[in-house]
Amino acid sequence: MKKLLTPTRRGFLTASAAMLAAPAVLTGTRAYAQNPTLGVGHVSPRTGPLAGFAEADDYVLAAIQDHFNAGIENNGKTWNIEIISKDSQSNPNRAAEVAADLILGDEVDIIVAASTPDTVNPVSDQAEINEVPCITTDCPWQPYFFGRNGVPGTGFDYTYHFFWGLEDVIAAFLDMWDSAGVAKVVGGLFPNDADGNAWGDAELGLPKPLEAAGYSLTDPGRYQPLTDDFSSYINAFKDVGAEIVTGNMIAPDFATFWAQAAQQGFNPKIVTIGKALLFPSVIESLGERGDGLSSEVWWSPNHPFASSLTGASAKALAEGYTAASGRPWTQPIGFKHALFEVVADVVKRAEDLGDYEAIAAAVAGTKLDTIVGPVDWSNGPINNVTKTPLVSGQWQKEGDAFDLKIVANAHAPEIPTTGELKLL
């Protein structure tokens, strides 16, 4: 049978959820279904400054639910799968609230989340506290693991994560920069948030690997998200002759920095920013100033992987979204789809879907080829983490549209390049 929380813990958490979370809205009729129903909670930032990560949620979730409507067989019994999705509003406190609501109100059996530590970490923490299996992605593993006070060699009991790490994004950036022939003088932009503190961390972030590769990094310190003045950072970069700017920012902050850089005559030759420059909508909003900006590439139509659920290629999934929405593909599409590939695989393999321990064991035992690459928690850098491949890309304007070209792939040669780096 499903594992129950102790009365003290259940009472405390139920009271907390009642104060913090909005009433749950179920999307199905679980109590009256002929087949047993397994609930899957989903949390992502549909609104707020991180909403670009959830731009394709409606498309992905609708397609997955259509696929799940046929049911999934486990131990000779067909199970209905009900997805219940909630908006974190790009706020970590809200992410924790809706996760508690999904677990205690909707009583989901598995919870999934994506899109930066601001979403992934609070959802994972709620799942761990409540002993509910959780699968997450779209967040470098260091801010996921160490940001949750994970202990190497011990890890977590119920929460599992697949994505790349800071070592991978650093290697991908260096692969791109080394080929450019520019001065190895870098300006760093790191906000005072979970991502920025991890990327700028003196021990675990960019400073040491950049120094080892012969780059000089100027880091003027953490700025507060949604700041309106980057003058001191721009002046610091101009003083050292920075030809490369890197960091991890939300889109509004990068737009402010990039406009002020133009106003103040700062013209780096390479600008490679994580998070902010992932999305076509952001690049389009920058107009001509978007041409030539670069970022990491987690997933694209050119990735040589296919869905374990539908058999669709990465290209087919991307083209399907564009056909349905009229919008360009975005990188999170593949990872949102892959979350539910893993869920389906776990549902098929779990020894007892009425037991959280059995579901968590099935998550831990995953060895699955997905549309973002292999997901295998027996092969990871640390407990509860497995990595996916990463390359680098540059936005290049072709006619009236921007295309994200893969320009460096030394660390994931199975993903083909589609263009060459151009200096700004």
Foldseek 3Di string as FASTA:
>chain_A
DADQDDPVLLVVLVVVLVVQADAADFPDDQVPDPFHEAEEEEEEACAALQNLLCPCVVVLVVVLLVLQCVAADAPRGGYRYGYGYDHCNLALSSLLNVLSCCCNPVVHQEYEYETECSNQQSNQVNCQSRLHAYEYEHYAVCLNQVVNVHDFPPGTQRYFYEAHHQVQQLVQVCLQVVVPPDALEEEEAAAPDSQSCQQPPPPRHDPPVSVVVVHHYDYPDHDHAPDQDPPVSLVVCVVVVHQEYEYEHRQVVVLNVLVVCVVVVNFHFAYEYPHNLQGQVSLVVSPPSSAQYKYKAQADQQQQAAAPSPRHASVRQQVVSCVVPVDGGTRSSQVVNVVVSLVSQLSHPFPDSSYSSSSSVSSQQDFDQHNRGTDHQVDPPGHSYHYGHMHMWTWHDDVSGTDTFGAGQPPPVSRPTDDHRGTD
